[in-house]
Amino acid sequence: LASPESAILSAVIFNALIIVALVPLALRGVR
């Protein structure tokens, strides 16, 4: 990772995006 700033900012962005990415699975449900 490029720098501490990049690491923390990337983690925050990923933390938000992963929730959005998992919403379809949450709505569809595991069989």
PDB file of all heavy atoms in Angstrom:
ATOM      1  N   LEU A   1       0.850  -1.189   0.000  1.00  0.00           N
ATOM      2  CA  LEU A   1       0.000   0.000   0.000  1.00  0.00           C
ATOM      3  C   LEU A   1       0.882   1.234   0.000  1.00  0.00           C
ATOM      4  O   LEU A   1       1.947   1.265   0.607  1.00  0.00           O
ATOM      5  CB  LEU A   1      -0.927  -0.019   1.207  1.00  0.00           C
ATOM      6  CG  LEU A   1      -1.903  -1.216   1.271  1.00  0.00           C
ATOM      7  CD1 LEU A   1      -2.762  -1.136   2.527  1.00  0.00           C
ATOM      8  CD2 LEU A   1      -2.777  -1.279   0.027  1.00  0.00           C
ATOM      9  N   ALA A   2       0.426   2.263  -0.677  1.00  0.00           N
ATOM     10  CA  ALA A   2       1.263   3.422  -0.969  1.00  0.00           C
ATOM     11  C   ALA A   2       1.713   4.154   0.283  1.00  0.00           C
ATOM     12  O   ALA A   2       2.870   4.569   0.383  1.00  0.00           O
ATOM     13  CB  ALA A   2       0.521   4.369  -1.908  1.00  0.00           C
ATOM     14  N   SER A   3       0.785   4.366   1.247  1.00  0.00           N
ATOM     15  CA  SER A   3       1.120   5.159   2.432  1.00  0.00           C
ATOM     16  C   SER A   3       0.102   4.871   3.522  1.00  0.00           C
ATOM     17  O   SER A   3      -0.956   4.274   3.267  1.00  0.00           O
ATOM     18  CB  SER A   3       1.097   6.650   2.075  1.00  0.00           C
ATOM     19  OG  SER A   3      -0.237   7.041   1.751  1.00  0.00           O
ATOM     20  N   PRO A   4       0.392   5.299   4.765  1.00  0.00           N
ATOM     21  CA  PRO A   4      -0.622   5.138   5.821  1.00  0.00           C
ATOM     22  C   PRO A   4      -1.937   5.832   5.465  1.00  0.00           C
ATOM     23  O   PRO A   4      -3.012   5.305   5.737  1.00  0.00           O
ATOM     24  CB  PRO A   4       0.046   5.780   7.038  1.00  0.00           C
ATOM     25  CG  PRO A   4       1.511   5.614   6.797  1.00  0.00           C
ATOM     26  CD  PRO A   4       1.683   5.781   5.316  1.00  0.00           C
ATOM     27  N   GLU A   5      -1.831   7.046   4.856  1.00  0.00           N
ATOM     28  CA  GLU A   5      -3.054   7.744   4.477  1.00  0.00           C
ATOM     29  C   GLU A   5      -3.853   6.947   3.457  1.00  0.00           C
ATOM     30  O   GLU A   5      -5.082   6.820   3.548  1.00  0.00           O
ATOM     31  CB  GLU A   5      -2.724   9.125   3.881  1.00  0.00           C
ATOM     32  CG  GLU A   5      -2.124  10.101   4.862  1.00  0.00           C
ATOM     33  CD  GLU A   5      -0.601   9.988   4.938  1.00  0.00           C
ATOM     34  OE1 GLU A   5      -0.066   8.966   4.436  1.00  0.00           O
ATOM     35  OE2 GLU A   5       0.018  10.898   5.494  1.00  0.00           O
ATOM     36  N   SER A   6      -3.154   6.405   2.474  1.00  0.00           N
ATOM     37  CA  SER A   6      -3.820   5.609   1.451  1.00  0.00           C
ATOM     38  C   SER A   6      -4.429   4.347   2.053  1.00  0.00           C
ATOM     39  O   SER A   6      -5.535   3.936   1.673  1.00  0.00           O
ATOM     40  CB  SER A   6      -2.817   5.232   0.352  1.00  0.00           C
ATOM     41  OG  SER A   6      -3.410   4.354  -0.574  1.00  0.00           O
ATOM     42  N   ALA A   7      -3.752   3.737   3.005  1.00  0.00           N
ATOM     43  CA  ALA A   7      -4.239   2.503   3.621  1.00  0.00           C
ATOM     44  C   ALA A   7      -5.548   2.748   4.372  1.00  0.00           C
ATOM     45  O   ALA A   7      -6.527   2.010   4.195  1.00  0.00           O
ATOM     46  CB  ALA A   7      -3.179   1.936   4.563  1.00  0.00           C
ATOM     47  N   ILE A   8      -5.550   3.807   5.197  1.00  0.00           N
ATOM     48  CA  ILE A   8      -6.758   4.053   5.996  1.00  0.00           C
ATOM     49  C   ILE A   8      -7.906   4.508   5.124  1.00  0.00           C
ATOM     50  O   ILE A   8      -9.064   4.101   5.310  1.00  0.00           O
ATOM     51  CB  ILE A   8      -6.457   5.086   7.113  1.00  0.00           C
ATOM     52  CG1 ILE A   8      -7.558   5.040   8.179  1.00  0.00           C
ATOM     53  CG2 ILE A   8      -6.323   6.474   6.553  1.00  0.00           C
ATOM     54  CD1 ILE A   8      -7.572   3.805   9.001  1.00  0.00           C
ATOM     55  N   LEU A   9      -7.617   5.356   4.112  1.00  0.00           N
ATOM     56  CA  LEU A   9      -8.683   5.833   3.242  1.00  0.00           C
ATOM     57  C   LEU A   9      -9.238   4.698   2.382  1.00  0.00           C
ATOM     58  O   LEU A   9     -10.451   4.585   2.174  1.00  0.00           O
ATOM     59  CB  LEU A   9      -8.164   6.963   2.357  1.00  0.00           C
ATOM     60  CG  LEU A   9      -9.207   7.661   1.469  1.00  0.00           C
ATOM     61  CD1 LEU A   9     -10.354   8.211   2.307  1.00  0.00           C
ATOM     62  CD2 LEU A   9      -8.549   8.779   0.665  1.00  0.00           C
ATOM     63  N   SER A  10      -8.353   3.841   1.899  1.00  0.00           N
ATOM     64  CA  SER A  10      -8.800   2.694   1.102  1.00  0.00           C
ATOM     65  C   SER A  10      -9.672   1.765   1.933  1.00  0.00           C
ATOM     66  O   SER A  10     -10.671   1.224   1.445  1.00  0.00           O
ATOM     67  CB  SER A  10      -7.596   1.926   0.548  1.00  0.00           C
ATOM     68  OG  SER A  10      -6.822   2.740  -0.304  1.00  0.00           O
ATOM     69  N   ALA A  11      -9.295   1.580   3.202  1.00  0.00           N
ATOM     70  CA  ALA A  11     -10.076   0.704   4.071  1.00  0.00           C
ATOM     71  C   ALA A  11     -11.464   1.275   4.336  1.00  0.00           C
ATOM     72  O   ALA A  11     -12.464   0.549   4.353  1.00  0.00           O
ATOM     73  CB  ALA A  11      -9.328   0.486   5.385  1.00  0.00           C
ATOM     74  N   VAL A  12     -11.553   2.596   4.545  1.00  0.00           N
ATOM     75  CA  VAL A  12     -12.855   3.230   4.789  1.00  0.00           C
ATOM     76  C   VAL A  12     -13.744   3.100   3.557  1.00  0.00           C
ATOM     77  O   VAL A  12     -14.936   2.776   3.652  1.00  0.00           O
ATOM     78  CB  VAL A  12     -12.665   4.715   5.166  1.00  0.00           C
ATOM     79  CG1 VAL A  12     -14.001   5.442   5.180  1.00  0.00           C
ATOM     80  CG2 VAL A  12     -11.986   4.823   6.519  1.00  0.00           C
ATOM     81  N   ILE A  13     -13.162   3.343   2.382  1.00  0.00           N
ATOM     82  CA  ILE A  13     -13.945   3.234   1.149  1.00  0.00           C
ATOM     83  C   ILE A  13     -14.398   1.792   0.941  1.00  0.00           C
ATOM     84  O   ILE A  13     -15.553   1.521   0.600  1.00  0.00           O
ATOM     85  CB  ILE A  13     -13.128   3.727  -0.056  1.00  0.00           C
ATOM     86  CG1 ILE A  13     -12.850   5.228   0.084  1.00  0.00           C
ATOM     87  CG2 ILE A  13     -13.854   3.433  -1.370  1.00  0.00           C
ATOM     88  CD1 ILE A  13     -11.914   5.784  -0.975  1.00  0.00           C
ATOM     89  N   PHE A  14     -13.460   0.851   1.148  1.00  0.00           N
ATOM     90  CA  PHE A  14     -13.827  -0.560   0.995  1.00  0.00           C
ATOM     91  C   PHE A  14     -14.919  -0.948   1.982  1.00  0.00           C
ATOM     92  O   PHE A  14     -15.843  -1.694   1.630  1.00  0.00           O
ATOM     93  CB  PHE A  14     -12.597  -1.447   1.203  1.00  0.00           C
ATOM     94  CG  PHE A  14     -12.910  -2.918   1.212  1.00  0.00           C
ATOM     95  CD1 PHE A  14     -13.059  -3.615   0.031  1.00  0.00           C
ATOM     96  CD2 PHE A  14     -13.082  -3.600   2.411  1.00  0.00           C
ATOM     97  CE1 PHE A  14     -13.363  -4.969   0.026  1.00  0.00           C
ATOM     98  CE2 PHE A  14     -13.386  -4.951   2.422  1.00  0.00           C
ATOM     99  CZ  PHE A  14     -13.522  -5.637   1.231  1.00  0.00           C
ATOM    100  N   ASN A  15     -14.827  -0.442   3.207  1.00  0.00           N
ATOM    101  CA  ASN A  15     -15.816  -0.765   4.235  1.00  0.00           C
ATOM    102  C   ASN A  15     -17.218  -0.345   3.807  1.00  0.00           C
ATOM    103  O   ASN A  15     -18.204  -1.036   4.088  1.00  0.00           O
ATOM    104  CB  ASN A  15     -15.440  -0.072   5.544  1.00  0.00           C
ATOM    105  CG  ASN A  15     -16.176  -0.648   6.729  1.00  0.00           C
ATOM    106  OD1 ASN A  15     -16.032  -1.816   7.052  1.00  0.00           O
ATOM    107  ND2 ASN A  15     -16.994   0.168   7.383  1.00  0.00           N
ATOM    108  N   ALA A  16     -17.307   0.795   3.104  1.00  0.00           N
ATOM    109  CA  ALA A  16     -18.608   1.249   2.624  1.00  0.00           C
ATOM    110  C   ALA A  16     -19.060   0.442   1.415  1.00  0.00           C
ATOM    111  O   ALA A  16     -20.223   0.034   1.319  1.00  0.00           O
ATOM    112  CB  ALA A  16     -18.539   2.738   2.280  1.00  0.00           C
ATOM    113  N   LEU A  17     -18.117   0.196   0.476  1.00  0.00           N
ATOM    114  CA  LEU A  17     -18.489  -0.490  -0.757  1.00  0.00           C
ATOM    115  C   LEU A  17     -18.880  -1.946  -0.519  1.00  0.00           C
ATOM    116  O   LEU A  17     -19.749  -2.483  -1.217  1.00  0.00           O
ATOM    117  CB  LEU A  17     -17.339  -0.419  -1.770  1.00  0.00           C
ATOM    118  CG  LEU A  17     -17.014   0.974  -2.324  1.00  0.00           C
ATOM    119  CD1 LEU A  17     -15.850   0.898  -3.306  1.00  0.00           C
ATOM    120  CD2 LEU A  17     -18.240   1.570  -3.004  1.00  0.00           C
ATOM    121  N   ILE A  18     -18.250  -2.611   0.449  1.00  0.00           N
ATOM    122  CA  ILE A  18     -18.547  -4.028   0.672  1.00  0.00           C
ATOM    123  C   ILE A  18     -19.967  -4.208   1.197  1.00  0.00           C
ATOM    124  O   ILE A  18     -20.633  -5.196   0.906  1.00  0.00           O
ATOM    125  CB  ILE A  18     -17.518  -4.669   1.632  1.00  0.00           C
ATOM    126  CG1 ILE A  18     -17.590  -6.196   1.560  1.00  0.00           C
ATOM    127  CG2 ILE A  18     -17.735  -4.201   3.057  1.00  0.00           C
ATOM    128  CD1 ILE A  18     -17.294  -6.791   0.213  1.00  0.00           C
ATOM    129  N   ILE A  19     -20.442  -3.220   1.968  1.00  0.00           N
ATOM    130  CA  ILE A  19     -21.829  -3.302   2.442  1.00  0.00           C
ATOM    131  C   ILE A  19     -22.786  -3.214   1.265  1.00  0.00           C
ATOM    132  O   ILE A  19     -23.737  -3.989   1.149  1.00  0.00           O
ATOM    133  CB  ILE A  19     -22.112  -2.194   3.470  1.00  0.00           C
ATOM    134  CG1 ILE A  19     -21.264  -2.417   4.732  1.00  0.00           C
ATOM    135  CG2 ILE A  19     -23.591  -2.134   3.816  1.00  0.00           C
ATOM    136  CD1 ILE A  19     -21.411  -1.328   5.765  1.00  0.00           C
ATOM    137  N   VAL A  20     -22.515  -2.267   0.362  1.00  0.00           N
ATOM    138  CA  VAL A  20     -23.356  -2.127  -0.827  1.00  0.00           C
ATOM    139  C   VAL A  20     -23.289  -3.387  -1.679  1.00  0.00           C
ATOM    140  O   VAL A  20     -24.305  -3.871  -2.203  1.00  0.00           O
ATOM    141  CB  VAL A  20     -22.921  -0.899  -1.646  1.00  0.00           C
ATOM    142  CG1 VAL A  20     -23.724  -0.800  -2.938  1.00  0.00           C
ATOM    143  CG2 VAL A  20     -23.073   0.368  -0.818  1.00  0.00           C
ATOM    144  N   ALA A  21     -22.087  -3.957  -1.806  1.00  0.00           N
ATOM    145  CA  ALA A  21     -21.917  -5.139  -2.650  1.00  0.00           C
ATOM    146  C   ALA A  21     -22.660  -6.351  -2.089  1.00  0.00           C
ATOM    147  O   ALA A  21     -23.102  -7.224  -2.853  1.00  0.00           O
ATOM    148  CB  ALA A  21     -20.429  -5.458  -2.790  1.00  0.00           C
ATOM    149  N   LEU A  22     -22.787  -6.424  -0.761  1.00  0.00           N
ATOM    150  CA  LEU A  22     -23.428  -7.583  -0.148  1.00  0.00           C
ATOM    151  C   LEU A  22     -24.940  -7.444  -0.003  1.00  0.00           C
ATOM    152  O   LEU A  22     -25.614  -8.411   0.346  1.00  0.00           O
ATOM    153  CB  LEU A  22     -22.814  -7.839   1.233  1.00  0.00           C
ATOM    154  CG  LEU A  22     -21.378  -8.360   1.241  1.00  0.00           C
ATOM    155  CD1 LEU A  22     -20.855  -8.453   2.662  1.00  0.00           C
ATOM    156  CD2 LEU A  22     -21.291  -9.709   0.551  1.00  0.00           C
ATOM    157  N   VAL A  23     -25.479  -6.255  -0.253  1.00  0.00           N
ATOM    158  CA  VAL A  23     -26.927  -6.068  -0.124  1.00  0.00           C
ATOM    159  C   VAL A  23     -27.716  -7.020  -1.025  1.00  0.00           C
ATOM    160  O   VAL A  23     -28.705  -7.621  -0.583  1.00  0.00           O
ATOM    161  CB  VAL A  23     -27.301  -4.601  -0.398  1.00  0.00           C
ATOM    162  CG1 VAL A  23     -28.805  -4.459  -0.626  1.00  0.00           C
ATOM    163  CG2 VAL A  23     -26.877  -3.725   0.774  1.00  0.00           C
ATOM    164  N   PRO A  24     -27.339  -7.221  -2.317  1.00  0.00           N
ATOM    165  CA  PRO A  24     -28.094  -8.181  -3.140  1.00  0.00           C
ATOM    166  C   PRO A  24     -28.145  -9.578  -2.534  1.00  0.00           C
ATOM    167  O   PRO A  24     -29.185 -10.238  -2.584  1.00  0.00           O
ATOM    168  CB  PRO A  24     -27.340  -8.162  -4.480  1.00  0.00           C
ATOM    169  CG  PRO A  24     -26.692  -6.819  -4.526  1.00  0.00           C
ATOM    170  CD  PRO A  24     -26.302  -6.525  -3.107  1.00  0.00           C
ATOM    171  N   LEU A  25     -27.028 -10.039  -1.972  1.00  0.00           N
ATOM    172  CA  LEU A  25     -27.026 -11.358  -1.337  1.00  0.00           C
ATOM    173  C   LEU A  25     -27.941 -11.377  -0.123  1.00  0.00           C
ATOM    174  O   LEU A  25     -28.671 -12.347   0.108  1.00  0.00           O
ATOM    175  CB  LEU A  25     -25.600 -11.741  -0.928  1.00  0.00           C
ATOM    176  CG  LEU A  25     -25.467 -13.086  -0.192  1.00  0.00           C
ATOM    177  CD1 LEU A  25     -25.959 -14.230  -1.068  1.00  0.00           C
ATOM    178  CD2 LEU A  25     -24.018 -13.323   0.230  1.00  0.00           C
ATOM    179  N   ALA A  26     -27.915 -10.284   0.648  1.00  0.00           N
ATOM    180  CA  ALA A  26     -28.790 -10.216   1.818  1.00  0.00           C
ATOM    181  C   ALA A  26     -30.254 -10.241   1.409  1.00  0.00           C
ATOM    182  O   ALA A  26     -31.087 -10.860   2.076  1.00  0.00           O
ATOM    183  CB  ALA A  26     -28.480  -8.952   2.621  1.00  0.00           C
ATOM    184  N   LEU A  27     -30.583  -9.570   0.291  1.00  0.00           N
ATOM    185  CA  LEU A  27     -31.967  -9.535  -0.165  1.00  0.00           C
ATOM    186  C   LEU A  27     -32.398 -10.855  -0.788  1.00  0.00           C
ATOM    187  O   LEU A  27     -33.523 -11.309  -0.590  1.00  0.00           O
ATOM    188  CB  LEU A  27     -32.154  -8.403  -1.170  1.00  0.00           C
ATOM    189  CG  LEU A  27     -31.960  -6.980  -0.631  1.00  0.00           C
ATOM    190  CD1 LEU A  27     -32.097  -5.971  -1.752  1.00  0.00           C
ATOM    191  CD2 LEU A  27     -32.963  -6.686   0.472  1.00  0.00           C
ATOM    192  N   ARG A  28     -31.496 -11.466  -1.535  1.00  0.00           N
ATOM    193  CA  ARG A  28     -31.835 -12.730  -2.200  1.00  0.00           C
ATOM    194  C   ARG A  28     -31.850 -13.884  -1.203  1.00  0.00           C
ATOM    195  O   ARG A  28     -32.679 -14.787  -1.275  1.00  0.00           O
ATOM    196  CB  ARG A  28     -30.830 -13.005  -3.322  1.00  0.00           C
ATOM    197  CG  ARG A  28     -31.153 -14.243  -4.144  1.00  0.00           C
ATOM    198  CD  ARG A  28     -30.174 -14.404  -5.308  1.00  0.00           C
ATOM    199  NE  ARG A  28     -28.819 -14.663  -4.836  1.00  0.00           N
ATOM    200  CZ  ARG A  28     -27.825 -13.795  -4.907  1.00  0.00           C
ATOM    201  NH1 ARG A  28     -28.033 -12.594  -5.412  1.00  0.00           N
ATOM    202  NH2 ARG A  28     -26.625 -14.109  -4.462  1.00  0.00           N
ATOM    203  N   GLY A  29     -30.920 -13.848  -0.264  1.00  0.00           N
ATOM    204  CA  GLY A  29     -30.861 -14.895   0.745  1.00  0.00           C
ATOM    205  C   GLY A  29     -30.041 -16.087   0.285  1.00  0.00           C
ATOM    206  O   GLY A  29     -29.942 -16.385  -0.905  1.00  0.00           O
ATOM    207  N   VAL A  30     -29.457 -16.769   1.251  1.00  0.00           N
ATOM    208  CA  VAL A  30     -28.734 -18.010   0.984  1.00  0.00           C
ATOM    209  C   VAL A  30     -29.758 -19.138   0.929  1.00  0.00           C
ATOM    210  O   VAL A  30     -30.639 -19.233   1.787  1.00  0.00           O
ATOM    211  CB  VAL A  30     -27.683 -18.287   2.078  1.00  0.00           C
ATOM    212  CG1 VAL A  30     -26.975 -19.612   1.824  1.00  0.00           C
ATOM    213  CG2 VAL A  30     -26.678 -17.139   2.134  1.00  0.00           C
ATOM    214  N   ARG A  31     -29.668 -19.988  -0.048  1.00  0.00           N
ATOM    215  CA  ARG A  31     -30.670 -21.048  -0.229  1.00  0.00           C
ATOM    216  C   ARG A  31     -30.719 -21.974   0.974  1.00  0.00           C
ATOM    217  O   ARG A  31     -29.697 -22.426   1.473  1.00  0.00           O
ATOM    218  CB  ARG A  31     -30.360 -21.856  -1.504  1.00  0.00           C
ATOM    219  CG  ARG A  31     -31.463 -22.852  -1.879  1.00  0.00           C
ATOM    220  CD  ARG A  31     -31.221 -23.372  -3.281  1.00  0.00           C
ATOM    221  NE  ARG A  31     -30.001 -24.153  -3.353  1.00  0.00           N
ATOM    222  CZ  ARG A  31     -29.949 -25.483  -3.185  1.00  0.00           C
ATOM    223  NH1 ARG A  31     -31.065 -26.147  -2.939  1.00  0.00           N
ATOM    224  NH2 ARG A  31     -28.809 -26.128  -3.282  1.00  0.00           N
TER     225      ARG A  31
END
